[in-house]
C-alpha atoms as a PDB file:
ATOM      1  CA  MET A   1      19.299   0.830 -11.305  1.00  0.00           C
ATOM      2  CA  LYS A   2      16.837   2.091 -13.906  1.00  0.00           C
ATOM      3  CA  ILE A   3      13.048   2.132 -13.693  1.00  0.00           C
ATOM      4  CA  LYS A   4      11.626  -1.125 -14.989  1.00  0.00           C
ATOM      5  CA  LYS A   5       8.293  -1.691 -16.696  1.00  0.00           C
ATOM      6  CA  LYS A   6       6.723  -5.099 -16.075  1.00  0.00           C
ATOM      7  CA  CYS A   7       3.647  -6.909 -17.296  1.00  0.00           C
ATOM      8  CA  PHE A   8       2.876 -10.437 -16.132  1.00  0.00           C
ATOM      9  CA  GLY A   9       2.887 -12.658 -19.211  1.00  0.00           C
ATOM     10  CA  GLY A  10       3.836  -9.754 -21.480  1.00  0.00           C
ATOM     11  CA  ARG A  11       1.450  -8.564 -24.198  1.00  0.00           C
ATOM     12  CA  LEU A  12      -0.098 -12.004 -24.556  1.00  0.00           C
ATOM     13  CA  GLY A  13      -0.777 -12.214 -20.814  1.00  0.00           C
ATOM     14  CA  PHE A  14      -2.376  -8.768 -20.807  1.00  0.00           C
ATOM     15  CA  TYR A  15      -4.527  -9.681 -23.812  1.00  0.00           C
ATOM     16  CA  LEU A  16      -5.696 -12.923 -22.170  1.00  0.00           C
ATOM     17  CA  ARG A  17      -6.634 -11.090 -18.961  1.00  0.00           C
ATOM     18  CA  VAL A  18      -8.723  -8.662 -21.023  1.00  0.00           C
ATOM     19  CA  LYS A  19     -10.505 -11.466 -22.925  1.00  0.00           C
ATOM     20  CA  PHE A  20     -10.767 -14.082 -20.148  1.00  0.00           C
ATOM     21  CA  PRO A  21     -10.385 -12.215 -16.825  1.00  0.00           C
ATOM     22  CA  LYS A  22     -12.063 -14.767 -14.536  1.00  0.00           C
ATOM     23  CA  PHE A  23     -10.391 -17.815 -16.067  1.00  0.00           C
ATOM     24  CA  CYS A  24      -6.955 -16.172 -15.895  1.00  0.00           C
ATOM     25  CA  GLY A  25      -7.458 -14.990 -12.326  1.00  0.00           C
ATOM     26  CA  ASP A  26      -8.765 -18.329 -11.043  1.00  0.00           C
ATOM     27  CA  SER A  27      -6.049 -20.321 -12.799  1.00  0.00           C
ATOM     28  CA  TYR A  28      -3.291 -18.098 -11.473  1.00  0.00           C
ATOM     29  CA  LEU A  29      -4.540 -18.209  -7.860  1.00  0.00           C
ATOM     30  CA  LEU A  30      -5.002 -21.985  -7.932  1.00  0.00           C
ATOM     31  CA  PHE A  31      -1.475 -22.433  -9.276  1.00  0.00           C
ATOM     32  CA  GLN A  32      -0.024 -20.120  -6.613  1.00  0.00           C
ATOM     33  CA  ARG A  33      -1.841 -21.907  -3.772  1.00  0.00           C
ATOM     34  CA  LYS A  34      -0.643 -25.301  -4.932  1.00  0.00           C
ATOM     35  CA  CYS A  35       2.932 -23.990  -5.189  1.00  0.00           C
ATOM     36  CA  SER A  36       2.754 -22.476  -1.709  1.00  0.00           C
ATOM     37  CA  ASN A  37       1.011 -25.196   0.299  1.00  0.00           C
ATOM     38  CA  TYR A  38       4.045 -27.368   1.072  1.00  0.00           C
ATOM     39  CA  LEU A  39       6.258 -24.466   2.097  1.00  0.00           C
ATOM     40  CA  ILE A  40       3.574 -22.820   4.244  1.00  0.00           C
ATOM     41  CA  LYS A  41       2.747 -26.099   5.983  1.00  0.00           C
ATOM     42  CA  LYS A  42       6.438 -26.650   6.702  1.00  0.00           C
ATOM     43  CA  TYR A  43       6.779 -23.124   8.095  1.00  0.00           C
ATOM     44  CA  ILE A  44       3.764 -23.143  10.413  1.00  0.00           C
ATOM     45  CA  ASN A  45       4.588 -26.618  11.752  1.00  0.00           C
ATOM     46  CA  LYS A  46       8.222 -25.755  12.391  1.00  0.00           C
ATOM     47  CA  MET A  47       7.870 -22.343  14.043  1.00  0.00           C
ATOM     48  CA  LYS A  48       6.636 -21.737  17.589  1.00  0.00           C
ATOM     49  CA  LEU A  49       3.236 -20.107  17.196  1.00  0.00           C
ATOM     50  CA  ASP A  50       3.705 -17.749  20.151  1.00  0.00           C
ATOM     51  CA  LYS A  51       7.260 -16.679  19.268  1.00  0.00           C
ATOM     52  CA  LEU A  52       6.994 -15.501  15.696  1.00  0.00           C
ATOM     53  CA  ASN A  53       8.697 -12.548  14.070  1.00  0.00           C
ATOM     54  CA  PRO A  54       6.352 -10.390  11.967  1.00  0.00           C
ATOM     55  CA  LEU A  55       7.646 -10.497   8.402  1.00  0.00           C
ATOM     56  CA  PHE A  56       5.294  -8.064   6.703  1.00  0.00           C
ATOM     57  CA  ILE A  57       3.762  -5.038   8.451  1.00  0.00           C
ATOM     58  CA  SER A  58       1.186  -2.725   6.881  1.00  0.00           C
ATOM     59  CA  ILE A  59       0.315   0.520   8.652  1.00  0.00           C
ATOM     60  CA  GLU A  60      -2.694   2.149   7.030  1.00  0.00           C
ATOM     61  CA  THR A  61      -2.585   5.847   7.869  1.00  0.00           C
ATOM     62  CA  ILE A  62      -5.748   6.888   6.005  1.00  0.00           C
ATOM     63  CA  THR A  63      -8.843   4.963   4.902  1.00  0.00           C
ATOM     64  CA  ARG A  64      -9.245   6.220   1.395  1.00  0.00           C
ATOM     65  CA  CYS A  65      -8.235   5.364  -2.162  1.00  0.00           C
ATOM     66  CA  ASN A  66      -8.662   7.367  -5.360  1.00  0.00           C
ATOM     67  CA  GLY A  67      -8.729   4.262  -7.545  1.00  0.00           C
ATOM     68  CA  THR A  68     -11.700   2.797  -9.407  1.00  0.00           C
ATOM     69  CA  CYS A  69     -10.504  -0.833  -9.508  1.00  0.00           C
ATOM     70  CA  PRO A  70     -13.600  -3.098  -9.606  1.00  0.00           C
ATOM     71  CA  PHE A  71     -11.754  -5.922  -7.806  1.00  0.00           C
ATOM     72  CA  CYS A  72     -11.104  -3.796  -4.703  1.00  0.00           C
ATOM     73  CA  PRO A  73     -13.756  -3.104  -2.013  1.00  0.00           C
ATOM     74  CA  CYS A  74     -12.029   0.185  -1.183  1.00  0.00           C
ATOM     75  CA  ASN A  75     -12.370   1.797  -4.606  1.00  0.00           C
ATOM     76  CA  ILE A  76     -14.100   5.186  -4.702  1.00  0.00           C
ATOM     77  CA  HIS A  77     -17.423   3.615  -5.747  1.00  0.00           C
ATOM     78  CA  ASP A  78     -17.553   0.797  -3.172  1.00  0.00           C
ATOM     79  CA  GLU A  79     -15.816   2.278  -0.122  1.00  0.00           C
ATOM     80  CA  LYS A  80     -17.930   1.608   2.986  1.00  0.00           C
ATOM     81  CA  ARG A  81     -15.464   2.438   5.743  1.00  0.00           C
ATOM     82  CA  PRO A  82     -15.778   5.683   7.698  1.00  0.00           C
ATOM     83  CA  PHE A  83     -13.022   8.177   7.059  1.00  0.00           C
ATOM     84  CA  MET A  84     -10.153   7.623   9.502  1.00  0.00           C
ATOM     85  CA  TYR A  85      -6.742   9.230   9.751  1.00  0.00           C
ATOM     86  CA  MET A  86      -3.940   8.000  11.995  1.00  0.00           C
ATOM     87  CA  SER A  87      -2.676  10.444  14.592  1.00  0.00           C
ATOM     88  CA  ASP A  88       1.032  11.238  14.801  1.00  0.00           C
ATOM     89  CA  GLU A  89       1.038   9.999  18.394  1.00  0.00           C
ATOM     90  CA  LEU A  90      -0.243   6.555  17.413  1.00  0.00           C
ATOM     91  CA  PHE A  91       2.066   6.335  14.393  1.00  0.00           C
ATOM     92  CA  LYS A  92       5.132   7.085  16.507  1.00  0.00           C
ATOM     93  CA  LYS A  93       3.993   4.592  19.156  1.00  0.00           C
ATOM     94  CA  ILE A  94       3.836   1.813  16.522  1.00  0.00           C
ATOM     95  CA  ILE A  95       7.271   2.704  15.187  1.00  0.00           C
ATOM     96  CA  SER A  96       8.599   2.735  18.766  1.00  0.00           C
ATOM     97  CA  ASP A  97       7.279  -0.797  19.359  1.00  0.00           C
ATOM     98  CA  LEU A  98       9.082  -1.965  16.231  1.00  0.00           C
ATOM     99  CA  LYS A  99      12.274  -0.159  17.188  1.00  0.00           C
ATOM    100  CA  LYS A 100      12.400  -2.145  20.441  1.00  0.00           C
ATOM    101  CA  ILE A 101      12.900  -5.349  18.453  1.00  0.00           C
ATOM    102  CA  ASN A 102      15.134  -3.725  15.837  1.00  0.00           C
ATOM    103  CA  TYR A 103      12.590  -4.641  13.174  1.00  0.00           C
ATOM    104  CA  SER A 104      14.340  -5.568   9.925  1.00  0.00           C
ATOM    105  CA  ASN A 105      11.669  -7.131   7.718  1.00  0.00           C
ATOM    106  CA  THR A 106       9.189  -5.456   5.341  1.00  0.00           C
ATOM    107  CA  LEU A 107       7.259  -2.324   6.327  1.00  0.00           C
ATOM    108  CA  MET A 108       4.592  -0.536   4.278  1.00  0.00           C
ATOM    109  CA  LEU A 109       2.732   2.619   5.289  1.00  0.00           C
ATOM    110  CA  LEU A 110      -0.376   1.512   3.435  1.00  0.00           C
ATOM    111  CA  ALA A 111      -2.819  -1.357   3.191  1.00  0.00           C
ATOM    112  CA  ASN A 112      -6.132  -0.907   1.366  1.00  0.00           C
ATOM    113  CA  ASN A 113      -5.583   2.738   0.490  1.00  0.00           C
ATOM    114  CA  GLU A 114      -3.622   5.089  -1.743  1.00  0.00           C
ATOM    115  CA  ILE A 115      -0.540   6.097   0.208  1.00  0.00           C
ATOM    116  CA  LEU A 116      -0.198   9.554  -1.382  1.00  0.00           C
ATOM    117  CA  LEU A 117      -3.615  10.667  -0.093  1.00  0.00           C
ATOM    118  CA  ASP A 118      -1.939  11.086   3.303  1.00  0.00           C
ATOM    119  CA  LYS A 119      -0.614  14.648   3.120  1.00  0.00           C
ATOM    120  CA  ASN A 120       1.993  13.864   5.783  1.00  0.00           C
ATOM    121  CA  ILE A 121       3.192  10.639   4.201  1.00  0.00           C
ATOM    122  CA  LEU A 122       6.624  11.925   3.207  1.00  0.00           C
ATOM    123  CA  GLU A 123       7.374  12.995   6.778  1.00  0.00           C
ATOM    124  CA  ARG A 124       6.097   9.644   8.054  1.00  0.00           C
ATOM    125  CA  LEU A 125       8.211   7.690   5.596  1.00  0.00           C
ATOM    126  CA  LYS A 126      11.224   9.735   6.665  1.00  0.00           C
ATOM    127  CA  TYR A 127      10.519   9.168  10.358  1.00  0.00           C
ATOM    128  CA  ALA A 128      10.137   5.408   9.865  1.00  0.00           C
ATOM    129  CA  ARG A 129      13.346   5.275   7.829  1.00  0.00           C
ATOM    130  CA  ILE A 130      15.330   7.053  10.563  1.00  0.00           C
ATOM    131  CA  GLU A 131      13.885   5.028  13.437  1.00  0.00           C
ATOM    132  CA  LEU A 132      13.990   1.667  11.629  1.00  0.00           C
ATOM    133  CA  PRO A 133      17.100   1.862   9.421  1.00  0.00           C
ATOM    134  CA  ASN A 134      17.337  -1.913   8.940  1.00  0.00           C
ATOM    135  CA  CYS A 135      13.817  -2.600   7.713  1.00  0.00           C
ATOM    136  CA  HIS A 136      12.842  -2.992   4.069  1.00  0.00           C
ATOM    137  CA  MET A 137      10.582  -0.036   3.224  1.00  0.00           C
ATOM    138  CA  LYS A 138       8.118  -0.884   0.478  1.00  0.00           C
ATOM    139  CA  MET A 139       5.624   1.378  -1.261  1.00  0.00           C
ATOM    140  CA  PHE A 140       2.698   0.746  -3.605  1.00  0.00           C
ATOM    141  CA  THR A 141       0.875   3.536  -5.435  1.00  0.00           C
ATOM    142  CA  ASN A 142      -1.493   3.814  -8.379  1.00  0.00           C
ATOM    143  CA  GLY A 143       0.525   6.838  -9.452  1.00  0.00           C
ATOM    144  CA  LYS A 144      -2.400   9.235  -9.912  1.00  0.00           C
ATOM    145  CA  LEU A 145      -0.919  11.677  -7.392  1.00  0.00           C
ATOM    146  CA  LEU A 146       2.718  10.904  -8.120  1.00  0.00           C
ATOM    147  CA  SER A 147       4.330  14.124  -9.308  1.00  0.00           C
ATOM    148  CA  ILE A 148       7.940  14.339 -10.446  1.00  0.00           C
ATOM    149  CA  GLU A 149       8.686  16.431  -7.332  1.00  0.00           C
ATOM    150  CA  THR A 150       7.258  13.782  -4.992  1.00  0.00           C
ATOM    151  CA  PHE A 151       9.063  11.004  -6.832  1.00  0.00           C
ATOM    152  CA  GLU A 152      12.367  12.874  -6.643  1.00  0.00           C
ATOM    153  CA  TYR A 153      11.960  13.598  -2.948  1.00  0.00           C
ATOM    154  CA  ILE A 154      11.345   9.928  -2.186  1.00  0.00           C
ATOM    155  CA  ILE A 155      14.277   8.565  -4.168  1.00  0.00           C
ATOM    156  CA  ASN A 156      16.725  11.375  -3.312  1.00  0.00           C
ATOM    157  CA  ASN A 157      16.087  10.898   0.409  1.00  0.00           C
ATOM    158  CA  ASN A 158      16.079   7.102   0.175  1.00  0.00           C
ATOM    159  CA  LEU A 159      12.677   6.931   1.876  1.00  0.00           C
ATOM    160  CA  VAL A 160      11.823   3.523   0.424  1.00  0.00           C
ATOM    161  CA  ASP A 161      13.833   0.564  -0.827  1.00  0.00           C
ATOM    162  CA  GLU A 162      11.198  -0.483  -3.321  1.00  0.00           C
ATOM    163  CA  MET A 163       8.469   1.461  -5.118  1.00  0.00           C
ATOM    164  CA  ILE A 164       5.809  -0.370  -7.106  1.00  0.00           C
ATOM    165  CA  ILE A 165       3.698   1.855  -9.345  1.00  0.00           C
ATOM    166  CA  ASN A 166       0.580   0.035 -10.507  1.00  0.00           C
ATOM    167  CA  ASN A 167      -0.456   1.481 -13.864  1.00  0.00           C
ATOM    168  CA  TYR A 168      -4.137   0.480 -14.140  1.00  0.00           C
ATOM    169  CA  ASN A 169      -5.425   0.826 -17.677  1.00  0.00           C
ATOM    170  CA  ASP A 170      -7.502  -0.966 -20.301  1.00  0.00           C
ATOM    171  CA  SER A 171      -4.440  -1.030 -22.524  1.00  0.00           C
ATOM    172  CA  MET A 172      -0.710  -1.195 -21.875  1.00  0.00           C
ATOM    173  CA  LYS A 173      -0.363   2.573 -22.227  1.00  0.00           C
ATOM    174  CA  LEU A 174       1.147   4.510 -19.310  1.00  0.00           C
ATOM    175  CA  ASN A 175      -1.181   6.895 -17.513  1.00  0.00           C
ATOM    176  CA  LYS A 176      -0.272  10.587 -17.763  1.00  0.00           C
ATOM    177  CA  SER A 177       1.348  11.160 -14.339  1.00  0.00           C
ATOM    178  CA  ILE A 178       3.285   7.887 -14.506  1.00  0.00           C
ATOM    179  CA  ASP A 179       4.398   8.566 -18.056  1.00  0.00           C
ATOM    180  CA  LYS A 180       5.946  11.897 -16.999  1.00  0.00           C
ATOM    181  CA  VAL A 181       8.038  10.196 -14.308  1.00  0.00           C
ATOM    182  CA  TYR A 182       9.031   7.364 -16.614  1.00  0.00           C
ATOM    183  CA  LYS A 183      10.118   9.626 -19.466  1.00  0.00           C
ATOM    184  CA  LYS A 184      12.316  11.701 -17.177  1.00  0.00           C
ATOM    185  CA  TYR A 185      13.949   8.799 -15.342  1.00  0.00           C
ATOM    186  CA  ARG A 186      13.889   5.794 -17.662  1.00  0.00           C
ATOM    187  CA  ASN A 187      17.540   6.263 -18.654  1.00  0.00           C
ATOM    188  CA  LYS A 188      18.817   7.426 -15.269  1.00  0.00           C
ATOM    189  CA  ASP A 189      20.377   5.287 -12.569  1.00  0.00           C
ATOM    190  CA  ILE A 190      18.632   5.550  -9.204  1.00  0.00           C
ATOM    191  CA  LYS A 191      19.238   3.757  -5.911  1.00  0.00           C
ATOM    192  CA  THR A 192      15.598   2.891  -5.280  1.00  0.00           C
ATOM    193  CA  ASN A 193      14.140  -0.185  -6.992  1.00  0.00           C
ATOM    194  CA  VAL A 194      11.236   1.238  -9.007  1.00  0.00           C
ATOM    195  CA  PHE A 195       8.860  -1.007 -10.943  1.00  0.00           C
ATOM    196  CA  ILE A 196       5.929   0.061 -13.075  1.00  0.00           C
ATOM    197  CA  ASN A 197       3.406  -2.772 -13.277  1.00  0.00           C
ATOM    198  CA  LEU A 198       1.178  -2.633 -16.338  1.00  0.00           C
ATOM    199  CA  ARG A 199      -2.143  -3.833 -14.925  1.00  0.00           C
ATOM    200  CA  TYR A 200      -5.471  -4.456 -16.627  1.00  0.00           C
ATOM    201  CA  SER A 201      -7.878  -2.197 -14.755  1.00  0.00           C
ATOM    202  CA  SER A 202     -10.865  -4.588 -14.868  1.00  0.00           C
ATOM    203  CA  GLU A 203      -9.169  -7.871 -14.091  1.00  0.00           C
ATOM    204  CA  ILE A 204     -10.764 -10.370 -11.720  1.00  0.00           C
ATOM    205  CA  LEU A 205      -8.448 -11.383  -8.909  1.00  0.00           C
ATOM    206  CA  SER A 206      -9.023 -12.871  -5.465  1.00  0.00           C
ATOM    207  CA  ASN A 207     -12.436 -12.709  -3.812  1.00  0.00           C
ATOM    208  CA  ARG A 208     -10.626 -11.265  -0.763  1.00  0.00           C
ATOM    209  CA  SER A 209     -12.737 -13.259   1.687  1.00  0.00           C
ATOM    210  CA  ASN A 210     -15.802 -12.339  -0.365  1.00  0.00           C
ATOM    211  CA  SER A 211     -15.281  -8.591   0.002  1.00  0.00           C
ATOM    212  CA  SER A 212     -14.276  -8.079  -3.642  1.00  0.00           C
ATOM    213  CA  PRO A 213     -17.025  -6.285  -5.625  1.00  0.00           C
ATOM    214  CA  ASN A 214     -16.470  -8.317  -8.799  1.00  0.00           C
ATOM    215  CA  LYS A 215     -15.957 -11.798  -7.380  1.00  0.00           C
ATOM    216  CA  LYS A 216     -17.579 -13.989  -4.724  1.00  0.00           C
ATOM    217  CA  GLY A 217     -16.680 -17.483  -3.582  1.00  0.00           C
ATOM    218  CA  LYS A 218     -19.045 -20.281  -2.561  1.00  0.00           C
ATOM    219  CA  LYS A 219     -16.509 -23.084  -2.505  1.00  0.00           C
ATOM    220  CA  ILE A 220     -14.772 -23.795   0.802  1.00  0.00           C
ATOM    221  CA  ILE A 221     -10.990 -23.443   0.465  1.00  0.00           C
ATOM    222  CA  ASN A 222      -8.935 -25.755   2.658  1.00  0.00           C
ATOM    223  CA  ASP A 223      -5.468 -24.763   1.491  1.00  0.00           C
ATOM    224  CA  TYR A 224      -3.036 -23.177   3.918  1.00  0.00           C
ATOM    225  CA  CYS A 225      -2.634 -19.444   4.360  1.00  0.00           C
ATOM    226  CA  VAL A 226       0.518 -17.973   5.863  1.00  0.00           C
ATOM    227  CA  LEU A 227      -0.757 -14.446   6.540  1.00  0.00           C
ATOM    228  CA  PRO A 228      -1.868 -14.958  10.178  1.00  0.00           C
ATOM    229  CA  TYR A 229       1.663 -16.199  10.892  1.00  0.00           C
ATOM    230  CA  THR A 230       3.572 -13.464   9.064  1.00  0.00           C
ATOM    231  CA  ASP A 231       1.507 -10.288   8.772  1.00  0.00           C
ATOM    232  CA  ILE A 232       0.420  -7.397  10.928  1.00  0.00           C
ATOM    233  CA  ASN A 233      -2.201  -5.044   9.499  1.00  0.00           C
ATOM    234  CA  ILE A 234      -3.000  -1.895  11.465  1.00  0.00           C
ATOM    235  CA  ASN A 235      -5.872   0.452  10.697  1.00  0.00           C
ATOM    236  CA  PRO A 236      -5.744   4.226  11.414  1.00  0.00           C
ATOM    237  CA  GLU A 237      -7.282   3.760  14.870  1.00  0.00           C
ATOM    238  CA  GLY A 238      -4.719   1.142  15.900  1.00  0.00           C
ATOM    239  CA  LYS A 239      -6.951  -1.902  15.398  1.00  0.00           C
ATOM    240  CA  LEU A 240      -5.178  -5.048  14.223  1.00  0.00           C
ATOM    241  CA  LEU A 241      -6.838  -6.890  11.330  1.00  0.00           C
ATOM    242  CA  ILE A 242      -6.112 -10.472  10.345  1.00  0.00           C
ATOM    243  CA  CYS A 243      -4.776  -9.566   6.885  1.00  0.00           C
ATOM    244  CA  CYS A 244      -5.003  -7.261   3.888  1.00  0.00           C
ATOM    245  CA  CYS A 245      -8.119  -9.117   2.702  1.00  0.00           C
ATOM    246  CA  ASP A 246     -10.087  -7.724   5.625  1.00  0.00           C
ATOM    247  CA  ALA A 247     -10.621  -4.463   3.793  1.00  0.00           C
ATOM    248  CA  THR A 248     -14.035  -3.986   5.410  1.00  0.00           C
ATOM    249  CA  GLU A 249     -12.576  -4.534   8.902  1.00  0.00           C
ATOM    250  CA  LYS A 250     -14.611  -7.487  10.150  1.00  0.00           C
ATOM    251  CA  THR A 251     -11.856  -8.876  12.369  1.00  0.00           C
ATOM    252  CA  ASN A 252     -10.318  -7.327  15.458  1.00  0.00           C
ATOM    253  CA  LEU A 253      -7.210  -8.930  16.951  1.00  0.00           C
ATOM    254  CA  GLY A 254      -6.464  -6.183  19.463  1.00  0.00           C
ATOM    255  CA  ASN A 255      -5.443  -2.542  19.502  1.00  0.00           C
ATOM    256  CA  VAL A 256      -1.903  -1.245  19.579  1.00  0.00           C
ATOM    257  CA  LYS A 257      -2.874   2.026  21.274  1.00  0.00           C
ATOM    258  CA  ASN A 258      -2.486   0.620  24.762  1.00  0.00           C
ATOM    259  CA  ASP A 259      -0.656  -2.677  24.199  1.00  0.00           C
ATOM    260  CA  ASP A 260       2.741  -3.637  22.833  1.00  0.00           C
ATOM    261  CA  LEU A 261       2.458  -4.591  19.169  1.00  0.00           C
ATOM    262  CA  ILE A 262       4.688  -7.673  19.285  1.00  0.00           C
ATOM    263  CA  LYS A 263       2.993  -9.028  22.423  1.00  0.00           C
ATOM    264  CA  LEU A 264      -0.354  -8.747  20.659  1.00  0.00           C
ATOM    265  CA  PHE A 265       1.061 -10.511  17.601  1.00  0.00           C
ATOM    266  CA  ASN A 266       2.257 -13.479  19.665  1.00  0.00           C
ATOM    267  CA  GLY A 267      -0.737 -13.945  21.937  1.00  0.00           C
ATOM    268  CA  GLY A 268      -4.485 -13.688  22.389  1.00  0.00           C
ATOM    269  CA  LYS A 269      -6.602 -13.782  19.266  1.00  0.00           C
ATOM    270  CA  TYR A 270      -3.641 -14.200  16.905  1.00  0.00           C
ATOM    271  CA  LEU A 271      -2.656 -17.408  18.669  1.00  0.00           C
ATOM    272  CA  GLU A 272      -6.227 -18.726  18.631  1.00  0.00           C
ATOM    273  CA  ILE A 273      -6.487 -18.209  14.873  1.00  0.00           C
ATOM    274  CA  ARG A 274      -3.071 -19.764  14.182  1.00  0.00           C
ATOM    275  CA  LYS A 275      -4.084 -22.923  16.020  1.00  0.00           C
ATOM    276  CA  LYS A 276      -7.300 -23.144  14.013  1.00  0.00           C
ATOM    277  CA  MET A 277      -5.465 -22.567  10.742  1.00  0.00           C
ATOM    278  CA  LEU A 278      -2.998 -25.399  11.330  1.00  0.00           C
ATOM    279  CA  LYS A 279      -5.412 -27.627   9.440  1.00  0.00           C
ATOM    280  CA  GLY A 280      -6.215 -25.117   6.714  1.00  0.00           C
ATOM    281  CA  ARG A 281      -8.200 -21.927   6.242  1.00  0.00           C
ATOM    282  CA  SER A 282     -11.565 -23.724   6.289  1.00  0.00           C
ATOM    283  CA  ASN A 283     -11.242 -23.960  10.089  1.00  0.00           C
ATOM    284  CA  TYR A 284     -11.627 -20.202  10.532  1.00  0.00           C
ATOM    285  CA  SER A 285     -14.917 -18.680   9.367  1.00  0.00           C
ATOM    286  CA  PHE A 286     -13.491 -15.432   7.977  1.00  0.00           C
ATOM    287  CA  CYS A 287     -11.028 -17.305   5.754  1.00  0.00           C
ATOM    288  CA  LYS A 288     -12.971 -20.393   4.660  1.00  0.00           C
ATOM    289  CA  TYR A 289     -14.067 -19.034   1.261  1.00  0.00           C
ATOM    290  CA  CYS A 290     -11.035 -16.805   0.664  1.00  0.00           C
ATOM    291  CA  ASP A 291      -8.914 -17.715  -2.370  1.00  0.00           C
ATOM    292  CA  PHE A 292      -6.191 -15.093  -1.877  1.00  0.00           C
ATOM    293  CA  ASN A 293      -2.586 -16.208  -2.098  1.00  0.00           C
ATOM    294  CA  ASP A 294       0.609 -14.247  -1.862  1.00  0.00           C
ATOM    295  CA  VAL A 295       2.406 -13.972  -5.194  1.00  0.00           C
ATOM    296  CA  GLY A 296       5.897 -14.616  -3.920  1.00  0.00           C
ATOM    297  CA  THR A 297       6.994 -11.892  -1.502  1.00  0.00           C
ATOM    298  CA  ARG A 298       6.096 -13.789   1.638  1.00  0.00           C
ATOM    299  CA  ARG A 299       7.422 -17.067   0.282  1.00  0.00           C
ATOM    300  CA  LYS A 300      10.847 -15.446   0.031  1.00  0.00           C
ATOM    301  CA  LEU A 301      10.538 -14.052   3.542  1.00  0.00           C
ATOM    302  CA  ILE A 302       9.522 -17.323   5.188  1.00  0.00           C
ATOM    303  CA  LYS A 303      12.353 -19.187   3.472  1.00  0.00           C
ATOM    304  CA  LYS A 304      14.747 -16.597   4.866  1.00  0.00           C
ATOM    305  CA  GLU A 305      13.180 -16.842   8.320  1.00  0.00           C
ATOM    306  CA  MET A 306      13.420 -20.643   8.391  1.00  0.00           C
ATOM    307  CA  LYS A 307      17.103 -20.493   7.431  1.00  0.00           C
ATOM    308  CA  LYS A 308      17.685 -17.980  10.203  1.00  0.00           C
ATOM    309  CA  ARG A 309      15.883 -20.222  12.732  1.00  0.00           C
ATOM    310  CA  MET A 310      17.850 -23.314  11.649  1.00  0.00           C
ATOM    311  CA  LYS A 311      21.115 -21.427  11.985  1.00  0.00           C
ATOM    312  CA  TYR A 312      20.130 -20.284  15.470  1.00  0.00           C
ATOM    313  CA  GLU A 313      19.084 -23.789  16.564  1.00  0.00           C
ATOM    314  CA  ASN A 314      22.319 -25.323  15.256  1.00  0.00           C
ATOM    315  CA  SER A 315      24.611 -22.764  16.852  1.00  0.00           C
END
């Protein structure tokens, strides 16, 4: 497979996001929520709330990003979190908990950070790949630190199944480091799925539960959100956060340091929130103004999970 460049809506879509960023962002999110509501409602009403399989796990190993994106609360200008770095002991403990259940869904070693700022990330990706051979390893990067050597090491050692390089720019031009990788590999077949997303650097996206620097929400949102039923987000100290939108770490659903990760995911505070969210996100204070919606990845995963559950129940 060759590296693919993508831009949502093509040149026209990029142009519209430059000229009408808020209108485009709001329209897109509203459309996605309306498309998702029926499926999410079906999923959360069908599945047992205390016996769920995590479908999307994000392990943040370092609390820093080198990006300047105005829609993200963790950009270099708006970062308010203290510097934290995950110890090897904690990282291996998390991977061990996942190995016990033969975890086979999506795993990312990042959340609200730039993955390549972790100087040990290649070793950690390799360790996770060896210990969890059946999981889908996914990687996002803004590409600023992506050298040809790093790129080659990742793809030659099959450290990830999917690499998404977000090229943030005010035009559709590739940034220097990304351009070098693209020029060398654009005509070569590689095993890893590599996508370069051409992103407008100043677009207005979700308010991320009102943590986004360039967007706030005053309207209560009562649509469904699947993240508390599918996602585990772990900060560098082992604290579990409700979702990727909690970039400023206001929630705390337990700590994996001393407890089994899957037991935490299917009990305690997770279960309390899931019960509240059965009637929509307005029933949980952290989520009531949040307009975030997954763009498709989790929809595919929950469809797959429901098919698996139906097959099990009918066997």
